[in-house]
Amino acid sequence: MELTERILHEIQQHCSKGDILLERNDATAAIAAYNMAWELVAEPKNEWEASTWILAAIADASFKGGYLTSARKAIDYAMTCPGAIGNPFLHLRRGEILLDQGENDAAADELMRAYMAEGDHIFADEDPKYLSFLRTRADL
């Protein structure tokens, strides 16, 4: 399945705006922009590749903004979309969210998936607590 070029262009515009806003540390406005992109995705939403990256962006902005419940909902739904399973960034962010919500065993599994795919450099721009936690669960 494919989205029309016009719809895909609109989605990309909203996501680009969201990316700029997130770079400026305005997570709330970024989430709003990403949600506008999300609204353009046709049902069933989890059958589109665009959904994977839109939901990843929503989860990322929500995580960075401290909205863990929203981040968890977005990342969990993203994991049902094409190309999500095995995506190191999605596993990293999901692991971080799970750890912050106190789900240590599930967090360790997700963080290990990210580590196995990308090594410790995937943690380079993240709070060191996530890699430190993983080191308590595995001999890295």
Protein backbone atom coordinates (compact mmCIF):
# COMPACT_ATOMS: atom_id res chain seq x y z
CA MET A 1 0.00 0.00 0.00
CA GLU A 2 1.12 3.54 -0.67
CA LEU A 3 -0.06 6.95 0.38
CA THR A 4 -0.68 9.43 -2.42
CA GLU A 5 2.22 11.74 -3.18
CA ARG A 6 0.18 14.74 -2.04
CA ILE A 7 -0.66 13.18 1.34
CA LEU A 8 2.89 11.94 1.83
CA HIS A 9 4.20 15.44 1.07
CA GLU A 10 1.84 16.95 3.66
CA ILE A 11 2.91 14.32 6.21
CA GLN A 12 6.56 15.11 5.55
CA GLN A 13 5.93 18.84 5.96
CA HIS A 14 4.27 18.35 9.34
CA CYS A 15 7.04 16.00 10.46
CA SER A 16 9.75 18.43 9.33
CA LYS A 17 8.06 21.16 11.33
CA GLY A 18 7.92 18.81 14.31
CA ASP A 19 11.62 17.99 13.94
CA ILE A 20 12.53 21.69 13.97
CA LEU A 21 10.37 22.31 17.02
CA LEU A 22 11.88 19.35 18.85
CA GLU A 23 15.39 20.60 18.06
CA ARG A 24 14.32 23.86 19.72
CA ASN A 25 13.25 21.85 22.80
CA ASP A 26 9.55 22.56 22.24
CA ALA A 27 8.30 19.01 22.66
CA THR A 28 4.66 20.02 23.09
CA ALA A 29 4.55 21.92 19.78
CA ALA A 30 6.50 19.13 18.08
CA ILE A 31 3.95 16.58 19.24
CA ALA A 32 1.17 18.74 17.84
CA ALA A 33 2.91 18.88 14.46
CA TYR A 34 3.50 15.12 14.43
CA ASN A 35 -0.14 14.55 15.40
CA MET A 36 -1.21 16.58 12.38
CA ALA A 37 0.83 14.21 10.23
CA TRP A 38 -0.69 11.22 12.03
CA GLU A 39 -4.21 12.44 11.25
CA LEU A 40 -3.43 12.25 7.52
CA VAL A 41 -2.64 8.53 7.61
CA ALA A 42 -5.45 6.37 6.28
CA GLU A 43 -6.95 3.44 8.17
CA PRO A 44 -5.77 0.91 9.05
CA LYS A 45 -2.99 3.16 10.26
CA ASN A 46 -0.61 0.40 11.31
CA GLU A 47 -0.30 -0.92 7.78
CA TRP A 48 1.65 2.09 6.50
CA GLU A 49 5.41 2.54 6.71
CA ALA A 50 4.84 6.24 7.30
CA SER A 51 3.05 5.32 10.52
CA THR A 52 6.22 3.76 11.86
CA TRP A 53 8.26 6.94 11.59
CA ILE A 54 5.43 9.27 12.59
CA LEU A 55 4.78 7.26 15.74
CA ALA A 56 8.51 7.07 16.42
CA ALA A 57 8.63 10.87 16.24
CA ILE A 58 5.61 11.22 18.54
CA ALA A 59 7.15 8.76 21.02
CA ASP A 60 10.51 10.53 20.88
CA ALA A 61 9.01 13.99 21.43
CA SER A 62 6.74 12.69 24.17
CA PHE A 63 9.68 10.99 25.89
CA LYS A 64 11.82 14.12 25.65
CA GLY A 65 8.93 16.22 26.93
CA GLY A 66 8.41 13.93 29.92
CA TYR A 67 5.06 12.58 28.76
CA LEU A 68 5.82 8.92 29.44
CA THR A 69 2.26 7.64 29.11
CA SER A 70 1.90 9.21 25.66
CA ALA A 71 5.39 8.05 24.69
CA ARG A 72 4.52 4.49 25.72
CA LYS A 73 1.25 4.46 23.76
CA ALA A 74 2.96 5.79 20.63
CA ILE A 75 5.94 3.44 20.80
CA ASP A 76 3.78 0.39 21.54
CA TYR A 77 1.58 1.14 18.53
CA ALA A 78 4.65 1.87 16.40
CA MET A 79 5.89 -1.64 17.14
CA THR A 80 2.86 -3.01 15.25
CA CYS A 81 3.78 -1.07 12.10
CA PRO A 82 5.98 -2.13 9.16
CA GLY A 83 9.72 -2.18 9.83
CA ALA A 84 9.44 -1.50 13.56
CA ILE A 85 10.64 -4.81 14.93
CA GLY A 86 14.41 -4.77 14.67
CA ASN A 87 14.66 -0.98 14.38
CA PRO A 88 17.43 -0.10 16.86
CA PHE A 89 16.11 3.38 17.64
CA LEU A 90 12.62 2.11 18.40
CA HIS A 91 13.99 -0.61 20.68
CA LEU A 92 16.22 1.94 22.41
CA ARG A 93 13.44 4.44 23.01
CA ARG A 94 10.99 1.71 24.08
CA GLY A 95 13.56 0.35 26.53
CA GLU A 96 14.13 3.80 27.99
CA ILE A 97 10.41 4.39 28.40
CA LEU A 98 9.91 0.98 30.01
CA LEU A 99 12.80 1.55 32.42
CA ASP A 100 11.44 4.95 33.41
CA GLN A 101 8.08 3.28 34.07
CA GLY A 102 9.70 0.66 36.30
CA GLU A 103 9.36 -2.30 33.94
CA ASN A 104 12.97 -3.37 34.30
CA ASP A 105 12.84 -6.83 32.71
CA ALA A 106 11.07 -5.61 29.57
CA ALA A 107 13.36 -2.58 29.48
CA ALA A 108 16.46 -4.78 29.60
CA ASP A 109 15.14 -6.83 26.67
CA GLU A 110 14.47 -3.76 24.53
CA LEU A 111 17.74 -2.04 25.42
CA MET A 112 19.65 -5.22 24.61
CA ARG A 113 17.98 -5.37 21.19
CA ALA A 114 19.20 -1.84 20.49
CA TYR A 115 22.67 -2.65 21.82
CA MET A 116 22.95 -5.83 19.76
CA ALA A 117 22.05 -3.97 16.58
CA GLU A 118 24.17 -0.83 17.07
CA GLY A 119 26.55 -1.36 19.98
CA ASP A 120 27.07 1.13 22.77
CA HIS A 121 27.28 4.11 20.40
CA ILE A 122 23.47 4.07 20.10
CA PHE A 123 23.50 5.25 23.72
CA ALA A 124 25.95 8.11 23.04
CA ASP A 125 23.35 10.90 23.12
CA GLU A 126 21.19 9.31 25.80
CA ASP A 127 21.21 9.66 29.56
CA PRO A 128 24.01 7.36 30.80
CA LYS A 129 21.62 5.68 33.22
CA TYR A 130 20.21 3.51 30.42
CA LEU A 131 23.50 1.96 29.38
CA SER A 132 24.53 1.66 33.04
CA PHE A 133 21.29 -0.21 33.74
CA LEU A 134 21.89 -2.53 30.81
CA ARG A 135 25.37 -3.29 32.13
CA THR A 136 23.75 -4.54 35.34
CA ARG A 137 21.79 -7.05 33.28
CA ALA A 138 24.39 -8.18 30.74
CA ASP A 139 28.13 -8.55 30.37
CA LEU A 140 28.73 -5.97 27.64
